[in-house]
Amino acid sequence: MRVSRDEFEALVEKAVAGLPEEFRRLLDNVAVMVEEEPSAEDLEEVGIDPADPERDELFGLYHGVPLPDRDSSYSALPDRILIYRGPILRCCESRREVLREVRDTVLHELGHYYGLEEDELPF
């Protein structure tokens, strides 16, 4: 599937903008960014062997301190939500699938930001 970087970034922005207002208001000190591919360190962080040619694809990753774990003195560089363009495009066969996967991945990673564990997330 081919989607330009600019178009892909616009899909990510649309997914964030489509959040209900009560969730958008809670976004504080977090940057949602597009990367082409996950680093070896990112893959290892989630238990994926970067040397395995048959490894699972990683679509996104949250780096930071979840909102419920922050106290009133919390001060740090922005948390980061990384959305990986390459893996998503390799796994999708249509623009509709890309749109859905971007939305689902953004929501999944934001769920971690809001303090949800992997087994609490809908996708």
PDB file of N, CA and C in Angstrom:
ATOM      1  N   MET A   1       0.859  -1.180   0.000  1.00  0.00           N
ATOM      2  CA  MET A   1       0.000   0.000   0.000  1.00  0.00           C
ATOM      3  C   MET A   1       0.898   1.233   0.000  1.00  0.00           C
ATOM      4  N   ARG A   2       0.541   2.206  -0.777  1.00  0.00           N
ATOM      5  CA  ARG A   2       1.317   3.440  -0.857  1.00  0.00           C
ATOM      6  C   ARG A   2       0.487   4.599  -0.297  1.00  0.00           C
ATOM      7  N   VAL A   3       1.048   5.254   0.690  1.00  0.00           N
ATOM      8  CA  VAL A   3       0.475   6.465   1.264  1.00  0.00           C
ATOM      9  C   VAL A   3       1.661   7.359   1.572  1.00  0.00           C
ATOM     10  N   SER A   4       1.641   8.586   1.072  1.00  0.00           N
ATOM     11  CA  SER A   4       2.771   9.490   1.296  1.00  0.00           C
ATOM     12  C   SER A   4       2.934   9.782   2.789  1.00  0.00           C
ATOM     13  N   ARG A   5       4.118  10.194   3.140  1.00  0.00           N
ATOM     14  CA  ARG A   5       4.377  10.531   4.543  1.00  0.00           C
ATOM     15  C   ARG A   5       3.434  11.653   5.000  1.00  0.00           C
ATOM     16  N   ASP A   6       3.261  12.670   4.166  1.00  0.00           N
ATOM     17  CA  ASP A   6       2.374  13.777   4.535  1.00  0.00           C
ATOM     18  C   ASP A   6       0.943  13.299   4.759  1.00  0.00           C
ATOM     19  N   GLU A   7       0.463  12.448   3.865  1.00  0.00           N
ATOM     20  CA  GLU A   7      -0.897  11.931   4.004  1.00  0.00           C
ATOM     21  C   GLU A   7      -1.019  11.064   5.256  1.00  0.00           C
ATOM     22  N   PHE A   8      -0.002  10.254   5.517  1.00  0.00           N
ATOM     23  CA  PHE A   8      -0.009   9.397   6.693  1.00  0.00           C
ATOM     24  C   PHE A   8      -0.034  10.248   7.967  1.00  0.00           C
ATOM     25  N   GLU A   9       0.793  11.295   8.009  1.00  0.00           N
ATOM     26  CA  GLU A   9       0.814  12.190   9.175  1.00  0.00           C
ATOM     27  C   GLU A   9      -0.544  12.863   9.353  1.00  0.00           C
ATOM     28  N   ALA A  10      -1.200  13.199   8.245  1.00  0.00           N
ATOM     29  CA  ALA A  10      -2.535  13.803   8.333  1.00  0.00           C
ATOM     30  C   ALA A  10      -3.536  12.811   8.922  1.00  0.00           C
ATOM     31  N   LEU A  11      -3.404  11.523   8.597  1.00  0.00           N
ATOM     32  CA  LEU A  11      -4.287  10.509   9.175  1.00  0.00           C
ATOM     33  C   LEU A  11      -4.078  10.393  10.680  1.00  0.00           C
ATOM     34  N   VAL A  12      -2.828  10.482  11.117  1.00  0.00           N
ATOM     35  CA  VAL A  12      -2.534  10.435  12.551  1.00  0.00           C
ATOM     36  C   VAL A  12      -3.135  11.657  13.245  1.00  0.00           C
ATOM     37  N   GLU A  13      -2.955  12.833  12.652  1.00  0.00           N
ATOM     38  CA  GLU A  13      -3.534  14.050  13.227  1.00  0.00           C
ATOM     39  C   GLU A  13      -5.055  13.955  13.300  1.00  0.00           C
ATOM     40  N   LYS A  14      -5.665  13.402  12.261  1.00  0.00           N
ATOM     41  CA  LYS A  14      -7.126  13.238  12.237  1.00  0.00           C
ATOM     42  C   LYS A  14      -7.582  12.295  13.350  1.00  0.00           C
ATOM     43  N   ALA A  15      -6.817  11.239  13.597  1.00  0.00           N
ATOM     44  CA  ALA A  15      -7.174  10.296  14.663  1.00  0.00           C
ATOM     45  C   ALA A  15      -7.143  10.985  16.024  1.00  0.00           C
ATOM     46  N   VAL A  16      -6.134  11.821  16.260  1.00  0.00           N
ATOM     47  CA  VAL A  16      -6.049  12.548  17.534  1.00  0.00           C
ATOM     48  C   VAL A  16      -7.179  13.577  17.623  1.00  0.00           C
ATOM     49  N   ALA A  17      -7.409  14.303  16.543  1.00  0.00           N
ATOM     50  CA  ALA A  17      -8.468  15.322  16.536  1.00  0.00           C
ATOM     51  C   ALA A  17      -9.846  14.704  16.705  1.00  0.00           C
ATOM     52  N   GLY A  18     -10.005  13.429  16.341  1.00  0.00           N
ATOM     53  CA  GLY A  18     -11.289  12.761  16.453  1.00  0.00           C
ATOM     54  C   GLY A  18     -11.606  12.226  17.837  1.00  0.00           C
ATOM     55  N   LEU A  19     -10.678  12.400  18.761  1.00  0.00           N
ATOM     56  CA  LEU A  19     -10.944  11.966  20.135  1.00  0.00           C
ATOM     57  C   LEU A  19     -12.087  12.783  20.731  1.00  0.00           C
ATOM     58  N   PRO A  20     -12.896  12.167  21.586  1.00  0.00           N
ATOM     59  CA  PRO A  20     -13.903  12.957  22.302  1.00  0.00           C
ATOM     60  C   PRO A  20     -13.225  14.073  23.113  1.00  0.00           C
ATOM     61  N   GLU A  21     -13.903  15.186  23.236  1.00  0.00           N
ATOM     62  CA  GLU A  21     -13.346  16.365  23.902  1.00  0.00           C
ATOM     63  C   GLU A  21     -12.799  16.052  25.294  1.00  0.00           C
ATOM     64  N   GLU A  22     -13.493  15.207  26.063  1.00  0.00           N
ATOM     65  CA  GLU A  22     -13.030  14.918  27.424  1.00  0.00           C
ATOM     66  C   GLU A  22     -11.670  14.215  27.426  1.00  0.00           C
ATOM     67  N   PHE A  23     -11.349  13.494  26.371  1.00  0.00           N
ATOM     68  CA  PHE A  23     -10.042  12.849  26.281  1.00  0.00           C
ATOM     69  C   PHE A  23      -8.996  13.798  25.700  1.00  0.00           C
ATOM     70  N   ARG A  24      -9.394  14.618  24.714  1.00  0.00           N
ATOM     71  CA  ARG A  24      -8.441  15.591  24.150  1.00  0.00           C
ATOM     72  C   ARG A  24      -7.980  16.572  25.221  1.00  0.00           C
ATOM     73  N   ARG A  25      -8.874  16.953  26.127  1.00  0.00           N
ATOM     74  CA  ARG A  25      -8.505  17.889  27.191  1.00  0.00           C
ATOM     75  C   ARG A  25      -7.426  17.325  28.109  1.00  0.00           C
ATOM     76  N   LEU A  26      -7.366  16.003  28.222  1.00  0.00           N
ATOM     77  CA  LEU A  26      -6.386  15.361  29.105  1.00  0.00           C
ATOM     78  C   LEU A  26      -5.008  15.214  28.475  1.00  0.00           C
ATOM     79  N   LEU A  27      -4.896  15.506  27.185  1.00  0.00           N
ATOM     80  CA  LEU A  27      -3.593  15.389  26.527  1.00  0.00           C
ATOM     81  C   LEU A  27      -2.680  16.501  27.031  1.00  0.00           C
ATOM     82  N   ASP A  28      -1.669  16.118  27.762  1.00  0.00           N
ATOM     83  CA  ASP A  28      -0.748  17.088  28.343  1.00  0.00           C
ATOM     84  C   ASP A  28       0.651  16.501  28.318  1.00  0.00           C
ATOM     85  N   ASN A  29       1.573  17.228  27.743  1.00  0.00           N
ATOM     86  CA  ASN A  29       2.973  16.816  27.712  1.00  0.00           C
ATOM     87  C   ASN A  29       3.159  15.471  27.003  1.00  0.00           C
ATOM     88  N   VAL A  30       2.468  15.319  25.873  1.00  0.00           N
ATOM     89  CA  VAL A  30       2.599  14.114  25.061  1.00  0.00           C
ATOM     90  C   VAL A  30       2.636  14.525  23.584  1.00  0.00           C
ATOM     91  N   ALA A  31       3.572  13.939  22.853  1.00  0.00           N
ATOM     92  CA  ALA A  31       3.699  14.203  21.416  1.00  0.00           C
ATOM     93  C   ALA A  31       3.387  12.921  20.657  1.00  0.00           C
ATOM     94  N   VAL A  32       2.520  13.022  19.674  1.00  0.00           N
ATOM     95  CA  VAL A  32       2.202  11.888  18.813  1.00  0.00           C
ATOM     96  C   VAL A  32       2.988  12.104  17.519  1.00  0.00           C
ATOM     97  N   MET A  33       3.883  11.151  17.216  1.00  0.00           N
ATOM     98  CA  MET A  33       4.810  11.327  16.106  1.00  0.00           C
ATOM     99  C   MET A  33       4.790  10.113  15.187  1.00  0.00           C
ATOM    100  N   VAL A  34       5.119  10.355  13.930  1.00  0.00           N
ATOM    101  CA  VAL A  34       5.235   9.283  12.943  1.00  0.00           C
ATOM    102  C   VAL A  34       6.708   8.970  12.737  1.00  0.00           C
ATOM    103  N   GLU A  35       7.034   7.699  12.793  1.00  0.00           N
ATOM    104  CA  GLU A  35       8.374   7.200  12.463  1.00  0.00           C
ATOM    105  C   GLU A  35       8.198   6.191  11.336  1.00  0.00           C
ATOM    106  N   GLU A  36       9.223   6.022  10.515  1.00  0.00           N
ATOM    107  CA  GLU A  36       9.139   5.058   9.423  1.00  0.00           C
ATOM    108  C   GLU A  36       9.145   3.627   9.933  1.00  0.00           C
ATOM    109  N   GLU A  37      10.053   3.307  10.843  1.00  0.00           N
ATOM    110  CA  GLU A  37      10.225   1.944  11.334  1.00  0.00           C
ATOM    111  C   GLU A  37      10.575   1.985  12.823  1.00  0.00           C
ATOM    112  N   PRO A  38      10.211   0.959  13.561  1.00  0.00           N
ATOM    113  CA  PRO A  38      10.648   0.887  14.967  1.00  0.00           C
ATOM    114  C   PRO A  38      12.141   0.561  15.024  1.00  0.00           C
ATOM    115  N   SER A  39      12.795   1.095  16.021  1.00  0.00           N
ATOM    116  CA  SER A  39      14.211   0.773  16.228  1.00  0.00           C
ATOM    117  C   SER A  39      14.326  -0.625  16.831  1.00  0.00           C
ATOM    118  N   ALA A  40      15.527  -1.167  16.804  1.00  0.00           N
ATOM    119  CA  ALA A  40      15.770  -2.472  17.437  1.00  0.00           C
ATOM    120  C   ALA A  40      15.423  -2.400  18.923  1.00  0.00           C
ATOM    121  N   GLU A  41      15.735  -1.277  19.565  1.00  0.00           N
ATOM    122  CA  GLU A  41      15.431  -1.113  20.985  1.00  0.00           C
ATOM    123  C   GLU A  41      13.925  -1.107  21.233  1.00  0.00           C
ATOM    124  N   ASP A  42      13.171  -0.455  20.338  1.00  0.00           N
ATOM    125  CA  ASP A  42      11.715  -0.432  20.485  1.00  0.00           C
ATOM    126  C   ASP A  42      11.141  -1.840  20.361  1.00  0.00           C
ATOM    127  N   LEU A  43      11.632  -2.599  19.392  1.00  0.00           N
ATOM    128  CA  LEU A  43      11.161  -3.972  19.222  1.00  0.00           C
ATOM    129  C   LEU A  43      11.476  -4.810  20.451  1.00  0.00           C
ATOM    130  N   GLU A  44      12.707  -4.696  20.944  1.00  0.00           N
ATOM    131  CA  GLU A  44      13.103  -5.468  22.128  1.00  0.00           C
ATOM    132  C   GLU A  44      12.275  -5.089  23.343  1.00  0.00           C
ATOM    133  N   GLU A  45      11.922  -3.802  23.447  1.00  0.00           N
ATOM    134  CA  GLU A  45      11.122  -3.331  24.588  1.00  0.00           C
ATOM    135  C   GLU A  45       9.795  -4.061  24.701  1.00  0.00           C
ATOM    136  N   VAL A  46       9.236  -4.464  23.578  1.00  0.00           N
ATOM    137  CA  VAL A  46       7.952  -5.159  23.594  1.00  0.00           C
ATOM    138  C   VAL A  46       8.103  -6.665  23.370  1.00  0.00           C
ATOM    139  N   GLY A  47       9.333  -7.152  23.446  1.00  0.00           N
ATOM    140  CA  GLY A  47       9.568  -8.592  23.365  1.00  0.00           C
ATOM    141  C   GLY A  47       9.642  -9.157  21.963  1.00  0.00           C
ATOM    142  N   ILE A  48       9.949  -8.316  20.982  1.00  0.00           N
ATOM    143  CA  ILE A  48      10.095  -8.779  19.603  1.00  0.00           C
ATOM    144  C   ILE A  48      11.586  -8.837  19.281  1.00  0.00           C
ATOM    145  N   ASP A  49      12.038  -9.963  18.759  1.00  0.00           N
ATOM    146  CA  ASP A  49      13.434 -10.140  18.382  1.00  0.00           C
ATOM    147  C   ASP A  49      13.675  -9.418  17.053  1.00  0.00           C
ATOM    148  N   PRO A  50      14.471  -8.337  17.040  1.00  0.00           N
ATOM    149  CA  PRO A  50      14.684  -7.595  15.800  1.00  0.00           C
ATOM    150  C   PRO A  50      15.408  -8.408  14.720  1.00  0.00           C
ATOM    151  N   ALA A  51      16.094  -9.470  15.103  1.00  0.00           N
ATOM    152  CA  ALA A  51      16.826 -10.293  14.138  1.00  0.00           C
ATOM    153  C   ALA A  51      15.941 -11.366  13.500  1.00  0.00           C
ATOM    154  N   ASP A  52      14.747 -11.555  14.006  1.00  0.00           N
ATOM    155  CA  ASP A  52      13.848 -12.580  13.482  1.00  0.00           C
ATOM    156  C   ASP A  52      13.162 -12.067  12.216  1.00  0.00           C
ATOM    157  N   PRO A  53      13.454 -12.648  11.046  1.00  0.00           N
ATOM    158  CA  PRO A  53      12.835 -12.157   9.806  1.00  0.00           C
ATOM    159  C   PRO A  53      11.327 -12.412   9.753  1.00  0.00           C
ATOM    160  N   GLU A  54      10.820 -13.266  10.610  1.00  0.00           N
ATOM    161  CA  GLU A  54       9.385 -13.580  10.632  1.00  0.00           C
ATOM    162  C   GLU A  54       8.679 -12.934  11.826  1.00  0.00           C
ATOM    163  N   ARG A  55       9.321 -11.941  12.407  1.00  0.00           N
ATOM    164  CA  ARG A  55       8.769 -11.291  13.601  1.00  0.00           C
ATOM    165  C   ARG A  55       7.455 -10.584  13.301  1.00  0.00           C
ATOM    166  N   ASP A  56       6.702 -10.362  14.367  1.00  0.00           N
ATOM    167  CA  ASP A  56       5.476  -9.573  14.265  1.00  0.00           C
ATOM    168  C   ASP A  56       5.842  -8.123  13.968  1.00  0.00           C
ATOM    169  N   GLU A  57       4.923  -7.431  13.325  1.00  0.00           N
ATOM    170  CA  GLU A  57       5.107  -6.004  13.069  1.00  0.00           C
ATOM    171  C   GLU A  57       4.679  -5.212  14.300  1.00  0.00           C
ATOM    172  N   LEU A  58       5.356  -4.113  14.549  1.00  0.00           N
ATOM    173  CA  LEU A  58       5.000  -3.199  15.631  1.00  0.00           C
ATOM    174  C   LEU A  58       4.433  -1.944  14.989  1.00  0.00           C
ATOM    175  N   PHE A  59       3.179  -1.617  15.294  1.00  0.00           N
ATOM    176  CA  PHE A  59       2.517  -0.470  14.676  1.00  0.00           C
ATOM    177  C   PHE A  59       2.696   0.822  15.469  1.00  0.00           C
ATOM    178  N   GLY A  60       2.864   0.709  16.777  1.00  0.00           N
ATOM    179  CA  GLY A  60       2.994   1.904  17.596  1.00  0.00           C
ATOM    180  C   GLY A  60       3.579   1.574  18.946  1.00  0.00           C
ATOM    181  N   LEU A  61       4.047   2.613  19.635  1.00  0.00           N
ATOM    182  CA  LEU A  61       4.648   2.417  20.951  1.00  0.00           C
ATOM    183  C   LEU A  61       4.517   3.695  21.771  1.00  0.00           C
ATOM    184  N   TYR A  62       4.195   3.520  23.046  1.00  0.00           N
ATOM    185  CA  TYR A  62       4.102   4.643  23.981  1.00  0.00           C
ATOM    186  C   TYR A  62       5.341   4.652  24.865  1.00  0.00           C
ATOM    187  N   HIS A  63       6.009   5.808  24.917  1.00  0.00           N
ATOM    188  CA  HIS A  63       7.152   6.012  25.811  1.00  0.00           C
ATOM    189  C   HIS A  63       6.773   7.131  26.780  1.00  0.00           C
ATOM    190  N   GLY A  64       6.728   6.845  28.064  1.00  0.00           N
ATOM    191  CA  GLY A  64       6.456   7.914  29.006  1.00  0.00           C
ATOM    192  C   GLY A  64       5.895   7.427  30.322  1.00  0.00           C
ATOM    193  N   VAL A  65       5.376   8.377  31.063  1.00  0.00           N
ATOM    194  CA  VAL A  65       4.763   8.111  32.360  1.00  0.00           C
ATOM    195  C   VAL A  65       3.257   8.260  32.187  1.00  0.00           C
ATOM    196  N   PRO A  66       2.498   7.176  32.376  1.00  0.00           N
ATOM    197  CA  PRO A  66       1.047   7.268  32.199  1.00  0.00           C
ATOM    198  C   PRO A  66       0.430   8.348  33.093  1.00  0.00           C
ATOM    199  N   LEU A  67      -0.598   8.947  32.599  1.00  0.00           N
ATOM    200  CA  LEU A  67      -1.267  10.046  33.294  1.00  0.00           C
ATOM    201  C   LEU A  67      -1.592   9.738  34.756  1.00  0.00           C
ATOM    202  N   PRO A  68      -2.142   8.568  35.097  1.00  0.00           N
ATOM    203  CA  PRO A  68      -2.472   8.301  36.499  1.00  0.00           C
ATOM    204  C   PRO A  68      -1.246   8.180  37.411  1.00  0.00           C
ATOM    205  N   ASP A  69      -0.070   7.953  36.837  1.00  0.00           N
ATOM    206  CA  ASP A  69       1.151   7.803  37.637  1.00  0.00           C
ATOM    207  C   ASP A  69       1.880   9.116  37.873  1.00  0.00           C
ATOM    208  N   ARG A  70       1.374  10.200  37.323  1.00  0.00           N
ATOM    209  CA  ARG A  70       2.013  11.507  37.489  1.00  0.00           C
ATOM    210  C   ARG A  70       1.480  12.162  38.749  1.00  0.00           C
ATOM    211  N   ASP A  71       2.361  12.873  39.436  1.00  0.00           N
ATOM    212  CA  ASP A  71       1.905  13.632  40.599  1.00  0.00           C
ATOM    213  C   ASP A  71       1.961  15.121  40.270  1.00  0.00           C
ATOM    214  N   SER A  72       1.621  15.949  41.232  1.00  0.00           N
ATOM    215  CA  SER A  72       1.538  17.389  40.987  1.00  0.00           C
ATOM    216  C   SER A  72       2.891  18.010  40.657  1.00  0.00           C
ATOM    217  N   SER A  73       3.981  17.345  41.001  1.00  0.00           N
ATOM    218  CA  SER A  73       5.303  17.893  40.700  1.00  0.00           C
ATOM    219  C   SER A  73       5.901  17.300  39.424  1.00  0.00           C
ATOM    220  N   TYR A  74       5.090  16.584  38.659  1.00  0.00           N
ATOM    221  CA  TYR A  74       5.582  15.948  37.435  1.00  0.00           C
ATOM    222  C   TYR A  74       6.112  17.001  36.468  1.00  0.00           C
ATOM    223  N   SER A  75       7.340  16.796  36.038  1.00  0.00           N
ATOM    224  CA  SER A  75       7.966  17.691  35.079  1.00  0.00           C
ATOM    225  C   SER A  75       8.986  16.873  34.302  1.00  0.00           C
ATOM    226  N   ALA A  76       8.777  16.776  33.012  1.00  0.00           N
ATOM    227  CA  ALA A  76       9.692  15.978  32.193  1.00  0.00           C
ATOM    228  C   ALA A  76       9.534  16.380  30.737  1.00  0.00           C
ATOM    229  N   LEU A  77      10.414  15.833  29.905  1.00  0.00           N
ATOM    230  CA  LEU A  77      10.240  15.998  28.474  1.00  0.00           C
ATOM    231  C   LEU A  77       8.903  15.379  28.101  1.00  0.00           C
ATOM    232  N   PRO A  78       8.331  15.780  26.995  1.00  0.00           N
ATOM    233  CA  PRO A  78       7.036  15.191  26.621  1.00  0.00           C
ATOM    234  C   PRO A  78       7.126  13.676  26.435  1.00  0.00           C
ATOM    235  N   ASP A  79       6.059  12.999  26.861  1.00  0.00           N
ATOM    236  CA  ASP A  79       5.912  11.590  26.524  1.00  0.00           C
ATOM    237  C   ASP A  79       5.809  11.520  25.002  1.00  0.00           C
ATOM    238  N   ARG A  80       6.076  10.338  24.455  1.00  0.00           N
ATOM    239  CA  ARG A  80       6.006  10.171  23.004  1.00  0.00           C
ATOM    240  C   ARG A  80       5.149   8.963  22.649  1.00  0.00           C
ATOM    241  N   ILE A  81       4.294   9.176  21.696  1.00  0.00           N
ATOM    242  CA  ILE A  81       3.570   8.076  21.073  1.00  0.00           C
ATOM    243  C   ILE A  81       4.100   8.004  19.652  1.00  0.00           C
ATOM    244  N   LEU A  82       4.689   6.870  19.336  1.00  0.00           N
ATOM    245  CA  LEU A  82       5.263   6.671  18.010  1.00  0.00           C
ATOM    246  C   LEU A  82       4.330   5.786  17.193  1.00  0.00           C
ATOM    247  N   ILE A  83       4.002   6.240  16.001  1.00  0.00           N
ATOM    248  CA  ILE A  83       3.182   5.473  15.066  1.00  0.00           C
ATOM    249  C   ILE A  83       4.112   5.126  13.901  1.00  0.00           C
ATOM    250  N   TYR A  84       4.250   3.829  13.621  1.00  0.00           N
ATOM    251  CA  TYR A  84       5.219   3.371  12.629  1.00  0.00           C
ATOM    252  C   TYR A  84       4.554   3.173  11.264  1.00  0.00           C
ATOM    253  N   ARG A  85       4.925   4.016  10.333  1.00  0.00           N
ATOM    254  CA  ARG A  85       4.333   4.040   9.001  1.00  0.00           C
ATOM    255  C   ARG A  85       4.613   2.760   8.210  1.00  0.00           C
ATOM    256  N   GLY A  86       5.858   2.323   8.164  1.00  0.00           N
ATOM    257  CA  GLY A  86       6.235   1.161   7.363  1.00  0.00           C
ATOM    258  C   GLY A  86       5.447  -0.090   7.712  1.00  0.00           C
ATOM    259  N   PRO A  87       5.430  -0.493   8.978  1.00  0.00           N
ATOM    260  CA  PRO A  87       4.682  -1.703   9.335  1.00  0.00           C
ATOM    261  C   PRO A  87       3.192  -1.609   9.014  1.00  0.00           C
ATOM    262  N   ILE A  88       2.594  -0.454   9.243  1.00  0.00           N
ATOM    263  CA  ILE A  88       1.163  -0.309   8.953  1.00  0.00           C
ATOM    264  C   ILE A  88       0.916  -0.444   7.452  1.00  0.00           C
ATOM    265  N   LEU A  89       1.737   0.214   6.650  1.00  0.00           N
ATOM    266  CA  LEU A  89       1.525   0.143   5.205  1.00  0.00           C
ATOM    267  C   LEU A  89       1.774  -1.262   4.664  1.00  0.00           C
ATOM    268  N   ARG A  90       2.731  -1.983   5.239  1.00  0.00           N
ATOM    269  CA  ARG A  90       2.996  -3.354   4.783  1.00  0.00           C
ATOM    270  C   ARG A  90       1.835  -4.300   5.098  1.00  0.00           C
ATOM    271  N   CYS A  91       1.094  -4.010   6.147  1.00  0.00           N
ATOM    272  CA  CYS A  91       0.032  -4.920   6.590  1.00  0.00           C
ATOM    273  C   CYS A  91      -1.352  -4.555   6.055  1.00  0.00           C
ATOM    274  N   CYS A  92      -1.476  -3.428   5.393  1.00  0.00           N
ATOM    275  CA  CYS A  92      -2.774  -2.990   4.894  1.00  0.00           C
ATOM    276  C   CYS A  92      -2.827  -3.087   3.376  1.00  0.00           C
ATOM    277  N   GLU A  93      -3.987  -3.438   2.873  1.00  0.00           N
ATOM    278  CA  GLU A  93      -4.159  -3.607   1.431  1.00  0.00           C
ATOM    279  C   GLU A  93      -4.972  -2.491   0.785  1.00  0.00           C
ATOM    280  N   SER A  94      -5.575  -1.616   1.588  1.00  0.00           N
ATOM    281  CA  SER A  94      -6.372  -0.526   1.022  1.00  0.00           C
ATOM    282  C   SER A  94      -6.228   0.716   1.903  1.00  0.00           C
ATOM    283  N   ARG A  95      -6.600   1.847   1.332  1.00  0.00           N
ATOM    284  CA  ARG A  95      -6.565   3.091   2.115  1.00  0.00           C
ATOM    285  C   ARG A  95      -7.510   3.006   3.310  1.00  0.00           C
ATOM    286  N   ARG A  96      -8.634   2.337   3.122  1.00  0.00           N
ATOM    287  CA  ARG A  96      -9.593   2.173   4.220  1.00  0.00           C
ATOM    288  C   ARG A  96      -8.941   1.409   5.376  1.00  0.00           C
ATOM    289  N   GLU A  97      -8.193   0.348   5.050  1.00  0.00           N
ATOM    290  CA  GLU A  97      -7.493  -0.410   6.092  1.00  0.00           C
ATOM    291  C   GLU A  97      -6.435   0.444   6.771  1.00  0.00           C
ATOM    292  N   VAL A  98      -5.697   1.254   6.000  1.00  0.00           N
ATOM    293  CA  VAL A  98      -4.683   2.140   6.580  1.00  0.00           C
ATOM    294  C   VAL A  98      -5.353   3.107   7.551  1.00  0.00           C
ATOM    295  N   LEU A  99      -6.434   3.719   7.133  1.00  0.00           N
ATOM    296  CA  LEU A  99      -7.159   4.667   7.986  1.00  0.00           C
ATOM    297  C   LEU A  99      -7.587   4.000   9.287  1.00  0.00           C
ATOM    298  N   ARG A 100      -8.179   2.805   9.183  1.00  0.00           N
ATOM    299  CA  ARG A 100      -8.640   2.094  10.380  1.00  0.00           C
ATOM    300  C   ARG A 100      -7.462   1.716  11.276  1.00  0.00           C
ATOM    301  N   GLU A 101      -6.374   1.219  10.692  1.00  0.00           N
ATOM    302  CA  GLU A 101      -5.229   0.788  11.504  1.00  0.00           C
ATOM    303  C   GLU A 101      -4.550   1.966  12.182  1.00  0.00           C
ATOM    304  N   VAL A 102      -4.436   3.087  11.482  1.00  0.00           N
ATOM    305  CA  VAL A 102      -3.863   4.283  12.101  1.00  0.00           C
ATOM    306  C   VAL A 102      -4.728   4.701  13.289  1.00  0.00           C
ATOM    307  N   ARG A 103      -6.032   4.775  13.076  1.00  0.00           N
ATOM    308  CA  ARG A 103      -6.945   5.178  14.156  1.00  0.00           C
ATOM    309  C   ARG A 103      -6.836   4.215  15.345  1.00  0.00           C
ATOM    310  N   ASP A 104      -6.890   2.917  15.057  1.00  0.00           N
ATOM    311  CA  ASP A 104      -6.820   1.926  16.127  1.00  0.00           C
ATOM    312  C   ASP A 104      -5.493   1.992  16.873  1.00  0.00           C
ATOM    313  N   THR A 105      -4.401   2.201  16.151  1.00  0.00           N
ATOM    314  CA  THR A 105      -3.079   2.251  16.778  1.00  0.00           C
ATOM    315  C   THR A 105      -2.937   3.502  17.634  1.00  0.00           C
ATOM    316  N   VAL A 106      -3.393   4.631  17.130  1.00  0.00           N
ATOM    317  CA  VAL A 106      -3.346   5.867  17.929  1.00  0.00           C
ATOM    318  C   VAL A 106      -4.166   5.679  19.203  1.00  0.00           C
ATOM    319  N   LEU A 107      -5.372   5.136  19.083  1.00  0.00           N
ATOM    320  CA  LEU A 107      -6.214   4.926  20.269  1.00  0.00           C
ATOM    321  C   LEU A 107      -5.575   3.937  21.242  1.00  0.00           C
ATOM    322  N   HIS A 108      -4.960   2.892  20.714  1.00  0.00           N
ATOM    323  CA  HIS A 108      -4.296   1.898  21.562  1.00  0.00           C
ATOM    324  C   HIS A 108      -3.170   2.547  22.368  1.00  0.00           C
ATOM    325  N   GLU A 109      -2.312   3.298  21.698  1.00  0.00           N
ATOM    326  CA  GLU A 109      -1.175   3.916  22.392  1.00  0.00           C
ATOM    327  C   GLU A 109      -1.637   5.015  23.346  1.00  0.00           C
ATOM    328  N   LEU A 110      -2.671   5.756  22.968  1.00  0.00           N
ATOM    329  CA  LEU A 110      -3.222   6.745  23.902  1.00  0.00           C
ATOM    330  C   LEU A 110      -3.818   6.063  25.127  1.00  0.00           C
ATOM    331  N   GLY A 111      -4.346   4.864  24.941  1.00  0.00           N
ATOM    332  CA  GLY A 111      -4.839   4.097  26.088  1.00  0.00           C
ATOM    333  C   GLY A 111      -3.740   3.866  27.115  1.00  0.00           C
ATOM    334  N   HIS A 112      -2.529   3.568  26.649  1.00  0.00           N
ATOM    335  CA  HIS A 112      -1.398   3.417  27.574  1.00  0.00           C
ATOM    336  C   HIS A 112      -1.096   4.745  28.262  1.00  0.00           C
ATOM    337  N   TYR A 113      -1.143   5.841  27.523  1.00  0.00           N
ATOM    338  CA  TYR A 113      -0.931   7.167  28.105  1.00  0.00           C
ATOM    339  C   TYR A 113      -1.949   7.438  29.213  1.00  0.00           C
ATOM    340  N   TYR A 114      -3.210   7.026  28.980  1.00  0.00           N
ATOM    341  CA  TYR A 114      -4.258   7.230  29.980  1.00  0.00           C
ATOM    342  C   TYR A 114      -4.186   6.228  31.123  1.00  0.00           C
ATOM    343  N   GLY A 115      -3.223   5.284  31.055  1.00  0.00           N
ATOM    344  CA  GLY A 115      -2.995   4.369  32.165  1.00  0.00           C
ATOM    345  C   GLY A 115      -3.537   2.970  31.997  1.00  0.00           C
ATOM    346  N   LEU A 116      -4.049   2.622  30.825  1.00  0.00           N
ATOM    347  CA  LEU A 116      -4.591   1.286  30.613  1.00  0.00           C
ATOM    348  C   LEU A 116      -3.463   0.290  30.303  1.00  0.00           C
ATOM    349  N   GLU A 117      -3.624  -0.906  30.809  1.00  0.00           N
ATOM    350  CA  GLU A 117      -2.678  -1.985  30.533  1.00  0.00           C
ATOM    351  C   GLU A 117      -3.079  -2.686  29.236  1.00  0.00           C
ATOM    352  N   GLU A 118      -2.162  -3.462  28.690  1.00  0.00           N
ATOM    353  CA  GLU A 118      -2.388  -4.130  27.409  1.00  0.00           C
ATOM    354  C   GLU A 118      -3.698  -4.917  27.386  1.00  0.00           C
ATOM    355  N   ASP A 119      -3.970  -5.673  28.447  1.00  0.00           N
ATOM    356  CA  ASP A 119      -5.177  -6.508  28.459  1.00  0.00           C
ATOM    357  C   ASP A 119      -6.468  -5.715  28.679  1.00  0.00           C
ATOM    358  N   GLU A 120      -6.372  -4.415  28.968  1.00  0.00           N
ATOM    359  CA  GLU A 120      -7.548  -3.567  29.151  1.00  0.00           C
ATOM    360  C   GLU A 120      -7.939  -2.826  27.877  1.00  0.00           C
ATOM    361  N   LEU A 121      -7.073  -2.891  26.865  1.00  0.00           N
ATOM    362  CA  LEU A 121      -7.300  -2.139  25.637  1.00  0.00           C
ATOM    363  C   LEU A 121      -8.170  -2.940  24.666  1.00  0.00           C
ATOM    364  N   PRO A 122      -9.044  -2.252  23.927  1.00  0.00           N
ATOM    365  CA  PRO A 122      -9.942  -2.969  23.013  1.00  0.00           C
ATOM    366  C   PRO A 122      -9.255  -3.525  21.782  1.00  0.00           C
ATOM    367  N   PHE A 123      -8.094  -2.980  21.378  1.00  0.00           N
ATOM    368  CA  PHE A 123      -7.371  -3.486  20.218  1.00  0.00           C
ATOM    369  C   PHE A 123      -5.901  -3.234  20.411  1.00  0.00           C
TER     370      PHE A 123
END
